[in-house]
Amino acid sequence: MPPELTALTLAALLQVVQFALVSVPANRELGPARTASPRDRDRMGGSLEDQLSQGTARLYRALANHFEGLILFTIACVVVTLSNSTGTLTAICAWVYLAARVLYIPAYYFGWVPWRSAIWFAGFGATAVMLLTVLI
């Protein structure tokens, strides 16, 4: 398996870990009756995120951000692989993306400013380079 697909698989597993990092404390804070509900704002007294502690809400936003970033990274990995454009540069970019996503979790949780944004941009930039590599 190309390293880009290995990094993609690990990034997907990271998302599973992030889901657990959010759901366990959210269930402790709000109770499973609320977290398993349809989460209607009027019935819950606001959004789910608004009722979480600051740390759990940050983990929730980091998870949502990973969902968004993983879409583009998946496209990049698939395009690079299917076009036979894998190489040292795309492999390095894939690992940079994965490392950035791992670092993004504590960066968001602990509020590392401006480093959280720099870490996010490293992953986004690595993904963009992978896509551009296919076209060049």
N, C-alpha and C. Protein backbone atom coordinates (compact mmCIF):
# COMPACT_ATOMS: atom_id res chain seq x y z
N MET A 1 0.85 -1.18 0.00
CA MET A 1 0.00 0.00 0.00
C MET A 1 0.90 1.24 0.00
N PRO A 2 0.56 2.21 -0.85
CA PRO A 2 1.37 3.43 -0.89
C PRO A 2 1.30 4.17 0.46
N PRO A 3 2.35 4.89 0.79
CA PRO A 3 2.37 5.60 2.07
C PRO A 3 1.22 6.61 2.21
N GLU A 4 0.77 7.17 1.11
CA GLU A 4 -0.33 8.12 1.16
C GLU A 4 -1.60 7.44 1.67
N LEU A 5 -1.84 6.21 1.23
CA LEU A 5 -3.03 5.49 1.69
C LEU A 5 -2.86 5.00 3.13
N THR A 6 -1.63 4.69 3.51
CA THR A 6 -1.38 4.34 4.91
C THR A 6 -1.69 5.53 5.82
N ALA A 7 -1.22 6.71 5.42
CA ALA A 7 -1.48 7.93 6.19
C ALA A 7 -2.98 8.21 6.22
N LEU A 8 -3.67 7.98 5.11
CA LEU A 8 -5.12 8.19 5.07
C LEU A 8 -5.84 7.24 6.03
N THR A 9 -5.42 6.00 6.06
CA THR A 9 -6.02 5.02 6.96
C THR A 9 -5.80 5.43 8.41
N LEU A 10 -4.60 5.86 8.72
CA LEU A 10 -4.30 6.31 10.09
C LEU A 10 -5.06 7.58 10.44
N ALA A 11 -5.24 8.46 9.46
CA ALA A 11 -6.02 9.68 9.71
C ALA A 11 -7.48 9.34 10.00
N ALA A 12 -8.01 8.34 9.32
CA ALA A 12 -9.38 7.90 9.59
C ALA A 12 -9.48 7.28 10.98
N LEU A 13 -8.48 6.50 11.37
CA LEU A 13 -8.47 5.93 12.72
C LEU A 13 -8.31 7.02 13.78
N LEU A 14 -7.55 8.06 13.45
CA LEU A 14 -7.43 9.20 14.36
C LEU A 14 -8.79 9.83 14.58
N GLN A 15 -9.60 9.88 13.54
CA GLN A 15 -10.93 10.44 13.68
C GLN A 15 -11.79 9.59 14.63
N VAL A 16 -11.60 8.28 14.58
CA VAL A 16 -12.30 7.39 15.52
C VAL A 16 -11.86 7.71 16.95
N VAL A 17 -10.57 7.90 17.14
CA VAL A 17 -10.05 8.25 18.47
C VAL A 17 -10.61 9.60 18.91
N GLN A 18 -10.64 10.57 18.00
CA GLN A 18 -11.19 11.88 18.34
C GLN A 18 -12.66 11.78 18.74
N PHE A 19 -13.40 10.93 18.05
CA PHE A 19 -14.81 10.74 18.40
C PHE A 19 -14.93 10.26 19.85
N ALA A 20 -14.08 9.32 20.23
CA ALA A 20 -14.10 8.83 21.62
C ALA A 20 -13.68 9.93 22.59
N LEU A 21 -12.70 10.74 22.20
CA LEU A 21 -12.25 11.84 23.07
C LEU A 21 -13.35 12.85 23.34
N VAL A 22 -14.30 12.96 22.42
CA VAL A 22 -15.43 13.88 22.59
C VAL A 22 -16.59 13.18 23.28
N SER A 23 -16.93 12.00 22.82
CA SER A 23 -18.17 11.36 23.28
C SER A 23 -18.10 10.92 24.74
N VAL A 24 -16.96 10.45 25.20
CA VAL A 24 -16.86 10.00 26.59
C VAL A 24 -17.10 11.16 27.56
N PRO A 25 -16.35 12.28 27.44
CA PRO A 25 -16.63 13.37 28.38
C PRO A 25 -18.00 14.02 28.15
N ALA A 26 -18.47 14.06 26.91
CA ALA A 26 -19.80 14.65 26.65
C ALA A 26 -20.88 13.84 27.34
N ASN A 27 -20.77 12.52 27.30
CA ASN A 27 -21.76 11.68 27.98
C ASN A 27 -21.67 11.84 29.49
N ARG A 28 -20.46 12.02 30.00
CA ARG A 28 -20.31 12.25 31.45
C ARG A 28 -20.89 13.60 31.85
N GLU A 29 -20.67 14.60 31.04
CA GLU A 29 -21.12 15.96 31.37
C GLU A 29 -22.63 16.14 31.21
N LEU A 30 -23.19 15.55 30.14
CA LEU A 30 -24.60 15.81 29.83
C LEU A 30 -25.51 14.62 30.06
N GLY A 31 -24.93 13.45 30.14
CA GLY A 31 -25.73 12.25 30.30
C GLY A 31 -26.14 11.68 28.95
N PRO A 32 -26.23 10.36 28.87
CA PRO A 32 -26.56 9.73 27.59
C PRO A 32 -27.96 10.06 27.09
N ALA A 33 -28.88 10.40 27.96
CA ALA A 33 -30.23 10.75 27.49
C ALA A 33 -30.19 12.00 26.61
N ARG A 34 -29.33 12.94 26.96
CA ARG A 34 -29.21 14.17 26.15
C ARG A 34 -28.38 13.94 24.90
N THR A 35 -27.27 13.23 25.04
CA THR A 35 -26.40 13.05 23.88
C THR A 35 -26.99 12.10 22.85
N ALA A 36 -27.89 11.20 23.27
CA ALA A 36 -28.54 10.28 22.33
C ALA A 36 -29.85 10.85 21.79
N SER A 37 -30.25 12.02 22.27
CA SER A 37 -31.51 12.62 21.83
C SER A 37 -31.35 13.22 20.43
N PRO A 38 -32.46 13.71 19.85
CA PRO A 38 -32.36 14.38 18.55
C PRO A 38 -31.64 15.73 18.62
N ARG A 39 -31.34 16.17 19.83
CA ARG A 39 -30.57 17.39 20.08
C ARG A 39 -31.24 18.65 19.54
N ASP A 40 -32.55 18.69 19.62
CA ASP A 40 -33.27 19.90 19.23
C ASP A 40 -32.93 21.01 20.20
N ARG A 41 -32.54 22.14 19.68
CA ARG A 41 -32.10 23.26 20.52
C ARG A 41 -33.15 23.66 21.55
N ASP A 42 -34.40 23.74 21.13
CA ASP A 42 -35.43 24.21 22.06
C ASP A 42 -35.68 23.20 23.18
N ARG A 43 -35.50 21.92 22.91
CA ARG A 43 -35.71 20.90 23.95
C ARG A 43 -34.51 20.79 24.88
N MET A 44 -33.32 21.12 24.36
CA MET A 44 -32.11 20.98 25.17
C MET A 44 -31.71 22.28 25.86
N GLY A 45 -32.35 23.37 25.49
CA GLY A 45 -31.97 24.65 26.08
C GLY A 45 -30.74 25.25 25.42
N GLY A 46 -30.53 24.95 24.16
CA GLY A 46 -29.38 25.46 23.41
C GLY A 46 -28.73 24.32 22.64
N SER A 47 -27.65 24.63 21.96
CA SER A 47 -26.95 23.60 21.21
C SER A 47 -26.18 22.68 22.15
N LEU A 48 -25.87 21.51 21.68
CA LEU A 48 -25.09 20.56 22.46
C LEU A 48 -23.74 21.17 22.84
N GLU A 49 -23.09 21.78 21.87
CA GLU A 49 -21.77 22.36 22.11
C GLU A 49 -21.81 23.43 23.20
N ASP A 50 -22.89 24.22 23.24
CA ASP A 50 -23.00 25.28 24.24
C ASP A 50 -23.10 24.74 25.66
N GLN A 51 -23.49 23.48 25.80
CA GLN A 51 -23.68 22.90 27.13
C GLN A 51 -22.48 22.09 27.61
N LEU A 52 -21.49 21.96 26.76
CA LEU A 52 -20.29 21.21 27.13
C LEU A 52 -19.30 22.11 27.86
N SER A 53 -18.41 21.50 28.61
CA SER A 53 -17.34 22.27 29.22
C SER A 53 -16.46 22.84 28.11
N GLN A 54 -15.64 23.81 28.46
CA GLN A 54 -14.79 24.45 27.46
C GLN A 54 -13.89 23.44 26.76
N GLY A 55 -13.26 22.56 27.52
CA GLY A 55 -12.35 21.57 26.93
C GLY A 55 -13.06 20.59 26.02
N THR A 56 -14.21 20.09 26.45
CA THR A 56 -14.95 19.13 25.62
C THR A 56 -15.49 19.82 24.37
N ALA A 57 -15.92 21.07 24.50
CA ALA A 57 -16.39 21.82 23.33
C ALA A 57 -15.26 22.04 22.33
N ARG A 58 -14.05 22.26 22.83
CA ARG A 58 -12.91 22.41 21.93
C ARG A 58 -12.60 21.10 21.22
N LEU A 59 -12.68 19.99 21.94
CA LEU A 59 -12.48 18.69 21.31
C LEU A 59 -13.56 18.43 20.25
N TYR A 60 -14.77 18.86 20.52
CA TYR A 60 -15.87 18.73 19.57
C TYR A 60 -15.57 19.51 18.29
N ARG A 61 -15.08 20.74 18.45
CA ARG A 61 -14.76 21.56 17.28
C ARG A 61 -13.55 21.00 16.52
N ALA A 62 -12.58 20.46 17.24
CA ALA A 62 -11.43 19.83 16.58
C ALA A 62 -11.87 18.62 15.76
N LEU A 63 -12.82 17.85 16.29
CA LEU A 63 -13.36 16.70 15.56
C LEU A 63 -14.07 17.18 14.30
N ALA A 64 -14.90 18.19 14.42
CA ALA A 64 -15.61 18.73 13.26
C ALA A 64 -14.62 19.23 12.21
N ASN A 65 -13.56 19.88 12.67
CA ASN A 65 -12.55 20.38 11.75
C ASN A 65 -11.86 19.23 11.03
N HIS A 66 -11.64 18.12 11.74
CA HIS A 66 -10.99 16.97 11.10
C HIS A 66 -11.90 16.37 10.05
N PHE A 67 -13.21 16.32 10.30
CA PHE A 67 -14.14 15.85 9.28
C PHE A 67 -13.98 16.68 8.00
N GLU A 68 -13.89 17.98 8.16
CA GLU A 68 -13.76 18.87 7.01
C GLU A 68 -12.43 18.65 6.29
N GLY A 69 -11.34 18.58 7.04
CA GLY A 69 -10.02 18.41 6.42
C GLY A 69 -9.82 17.04 5.81
N LEU A 70 -10.43 16.04 6.41
CA LEU A 70 -10.25 14.67 5.92
C LEU A 70 -10.87 14.48 4.54
N ILE A 71 -11.90 15.23 4.24
CA ILE A 71 -12.52 15.13 2.91
C ILE A 71 -11.51 15.50 1.83
N LEU A 72 -10.88 16.64 1.97
CA LEU A 72 -9.92 17.11 0.97
C LEU A 72 -8.69 16.20 0.94
N PHE A 73 -8.23 15.77 2.12
CA PHE A 73 -7.08 14.87 2.17
C PHE A 73 -7.39 13.53 1.50
N THR A 74 -8.58 13.04 1.68
CA THR A 74 -8.98 11.79 1.03
C THR A 74 -8.95 11.95 -0.48
N ILE A 75 -9.49 13.06 -0.96
CA ILE A 75 -9.45 13.32 -2.41
C ILE A 75 -8.02 13.35 -2.89
N ALA A 76 -7.15 14.03 -2.16
CA ALA A 76 -5.74 14.12 -2.56
C ALA A 76 -5.10 12.74 -2.61
N CYS A 77 -5.33 11.92 -1.61
CA CYS A 77 -4.74 10.58 -1.58
C CYS A 77 -5.26 9.71 -2.72
N VAL A 78 -6.54 9.78 -2.98
CA VAL A 78 -7.12 8.97 -4.06
C VAL A 78 -6.60 9.43 -5.41
N VAL A 79 -6.58 10.73 -5.63
CA VAL A 79 -6.12 11.26 -6.92
C VAL A 79 -4.64 10.93 -7.14
N VAL A 80 -3.83 11.12 -6.12
CA VAL A 80 -2.40 10.82 -6.23
C VAL A 80 -2.19 9.33 -6.53
N THR A 81 -2.93 8.50 -5.83
CA THR A 81 -2.77 7.05 -6.01
C THR A 81 -3.27 6.59 -7.37
N LEU A 82 -4.47 7.00 -7.76
CA LEU A 82 -5.05 6.55 -9.03
C LEU A 82 -4.31 7.09 -10.25
N SER A 83 -3.68 8.24 -10.10
CA SER A 83 -2.93 8.81 -11.23
C SER A 83 -1.48 8.34 -11.25
N ASN A 84 -1.14 7.43 -10.34
CA ASN A 84 0.24 6.95 -10.23
C ASN A 84 1.24 8.09 -10.04
N SER A 85 0.84 9.07 -9.27
CA SER A 85 1.70 10.23 -9.00
C SER A 85 2.36 10.15 -7.63
N THR A 86 2.30 8.99 -6.98
CA THR A 86 2.93 8.85 -5.68
C THR A 86 4.43 9.01 -5.80
N GLY A 87 5.01 9.55 -4.79
CA GLY A 87 6.46 9.75 -4.78
C GLY A 87 6.88 10.27 -3.42
N THR A 88 8.13 10.63 -3.34
CA THR A 88 8.67 11.11 -2.07
C THR A 88 7.94 12.34 -1.57
N LEU A 89 7.67 13.29 -2.47
CA LEU A 89 7.01 14.53 -2.06
C LEU A 89 5.59 14.25 -1.55
N THR A 90 4.82 13.45 -2.27
CA THR A 90 3.44 13.20 -1.84
C THR A 90 3.42 12.37 -0.55
N ALA A 91 4.38 11.48 -0.39
CA ALA A 91 4.46 10.70 0.85
C ALA A 91 4.78 11.62 2.03
N ILE A 92 5.73 12.52 1.85
CA ILE A 92 6.08 13.47 2.91
C ILE A 92 4.86 14.33 3.25
N CYS A 93 4.17 14.80 2.24
CA CYS A 93 2.97 15.62 2.47
C CYS A 93 1.90 14.85 3.25
N ALA A 94 1.72 13.59 2.91
CA ALA A 94 0.72 12.78 3.62
C ALA A 94 1.08 12.64 5.09
N TRP A 95 2.35 12.41 5.38
CA TRP A 95 2.77 12.27 6.78
C TRP A 95 2.71 13.61 7.51
N VAL A 96 2.98 14.71 6.79
CA VAL A 96 2.85 16.04 7.40
C VAL A 96 1.39 16.29 7.77
N TYR A 97 0.48 15.92 6.86
CA TYR A 97 -0.95 16.09 7.16
C TYR A 97 -1.31 15.31 8.43
N LEU A 98 -0.91 14.06 8.49
CA LEU A 98 -1.25 13.23 9.65
C LEU A 98 -0.65 13.81 10.93
N ALA A 99 0.61 14.20 10.89
CA ALA A 99 1.25 14.78 12.07
C ALA A 99 0.54 16.07 12.50
N ALA A 100 0.15 16.88 11.52
CA ALA A 100 -0.55 18.11 11.83
C ALA A 100 -1.90 17.82 12.50
N ARG A 101 -2.60 16.80 12.03
CA ARG A 101 -3.90 16.46 12.62
C ARG A 101 -3.73 15.94 14.04
N VAL A 102 -2.67 15.20 14.29
CA VAL A 102 -2.42 14.71 15.65
C VAL A 102 -2.09 15.90 16.57
N LEU A 103 -1.24 16.80 16.11
CA LEU A 103 -0.87 17.96 16.91
C LEU A 103 -2.02 18.95 17.09
N TYR A 104 -2.95 18.96 16.14
CA TYR A 104 -4.07 19.89 16.18
C TYR A 104 -4.97 19.65 17.39
N ILE A 105 -5.07 18.40 17.82
CA ILE A 105 -5.96 18.08 18.95
C ILE A 105 -5.50 18.78 20.23
N PRO A 106 -4.26 18.58 20.68
CA PRO A 106 -3.86 19.33 21.89
C PRO A 106 -3.76 20.83 21.65
N ALA A 107 -3.42 21.23 20.42
CA ALA A 107 -3.35 22.66 20.12
C ALA A 107 -4.70 23.33 20.30
N TYR A 108 -5.74 22.66 19.87
CA TYR A 108 -7.09 23.22 20.03
C TYR A 108 -7.53 23.12 21.49
N TYR A 109 -7.31 21.97 22.09
CA TYR A 109 -7.74 21.74 23.48
C TYR A 109 -7.12 22.75 24.44
N PHE A 110 -5.82 22.98 24.29
CA PHE A 110 -5.11 23.88 25.21
C PHE A 110 -5.08 25.33 24.73
N GLY A 111 -5.67 25.60 23.57
CA GLY A 111 -5.76 26.97 23.07
C GLY A 111 -4.42 27.57 22.69
N TRP A 112 -3.60 26.81 21.99
CA TRP A 112 -2.29 27.31 21.58
C TRP A 112 -2.45 28.33 20.46
N VAL A 113 -2.36 29.59 20.81
CA VAL A 113 -2.50 30.67 19.83
C VAL A 113 -1.13 31.27 19.59
N PRO A 114 -0.72 31.46 18.39
CA PRO A 114 -1.34 31.21 17.09
C PRO A 114 -1.00 29.82 16.52
N TRP A 115 -0.39 28.98 17.33
CA TRP A 115 0.14 27.71 16.83
C TRP A 115 -0.94 26.77 16.29
N ARG A 116 -2.13 26.83 16.87
CA ARG A 116 -3.21 25.97 16.37
C ARG A 116 -3.45 26.27 14.89
N SER A 117 -3.51 27.53 14.54
CA SER A 117 -3.75 27.91 13.15
C SER A 117 -2.57 27.52 12.26
N ALA A 118 -1.36 27.66 12.77
CA ALA A 118 -0.17 27.28 11.99
C ALA A 118 -0.15 25.78 11.75
N ILE A 119 -0.52 25.01 12.76
CA ILE A 119 -0.59 23.55 12.61
C ILE A 119 -1.66 23.18 11.59
N TRP A 120 -2.81 23.82 11.69
CA TRP A 120 -3.88 23.57 10.72
C TRP A 120 -3.39 23.86 9.31
N PHE A 121 -2.71 25.00 9.14
CA PHE A 121 -2.25 25.39 7.81
C PHE A 121 -1.21 24.42 7.26
N ALA A 122 -0.38 23.85 8.12
CA ALA A 122 0.61 22.86 7.66
C ALA A 122 -0.11 21.67 7.03
N GLY A 123 -1.15 21.18 7.67
CA GLY A 123 -1.91 20.06 7.11
C GLY A 123 -2.63 20.44 5.84
N PHE A 124 -3.24 21.61 5.83
CA PHE A 124 -3.95 22.08 4.64
C PHE A 124 -2.98 22.30 3.49
N GLY A 125 -1.85 22.92 3.78
CA GLY A 125 -0.84 23.16 2.74
C GLY A 125 -0.28 21.87 2.17
N ALA A 126 -0.05 20.89 3.03
CA ALA A 126 0.45 19.59 2.56
C ALA A 126 -0.56 18.93 1.63
N THR A 127 -1.83 19.05 1.95
CA THR A 127 -2.88 18.50 1.10
C THR A 127 -2.91 19.22 -0.24
N ALA A 128 -2.81 20.53 -0.22
CA ALA A 128 -2.81 21.30 -1.46
C ALA A 128 -1.62 20.93 -2.35
N VAL A 129 -0.46 20.74 -1.74
CA VAL A 129 0.73 20.35 -2.51
C VAL A 129 0.51 18.98 -3.17
N MET A 130 -0.11 18.06 -2.44
CA MET A 130 -0.40 16.75 -3.03
C MET A 130 -1.27 16.91 -4.28
N LEU A 131 -2.29 17.73 -4.20
CA LEU A 131 -3.18 17.93 -5.35
C LEU A 131 -2.45 18.62 -6.49
N LEU A 132 -1.64 19.61 -6.18
CA LEU A 132 -0.90 20.30 -7.24
C LEU A 132 0.12 19.39 -7.90
N THR A 133 0.69 18.47 -7.14
CA THR A 133 1.68 17.54 -7.69
C THR A 133 1.10 16.73 -8.84
N VAL A 134 -0.16 16.37 -8.74
CA VAL A 134 -0.81 15.58 -9.78
C VAL A 134 -0.91 16.38 -11.07
N LEU A 135 -1.11 17.68 -10.95
CA LEU A 135 -1.33 18.52 -12.13
C LEU A 135 -0.03 18.99 -12.78
N ILE A 136 1.04 18.91 -12.06
CA ILE A 136 2.34 19.41 -12.59
C ILE A 136 3.08 18.32 -13.33
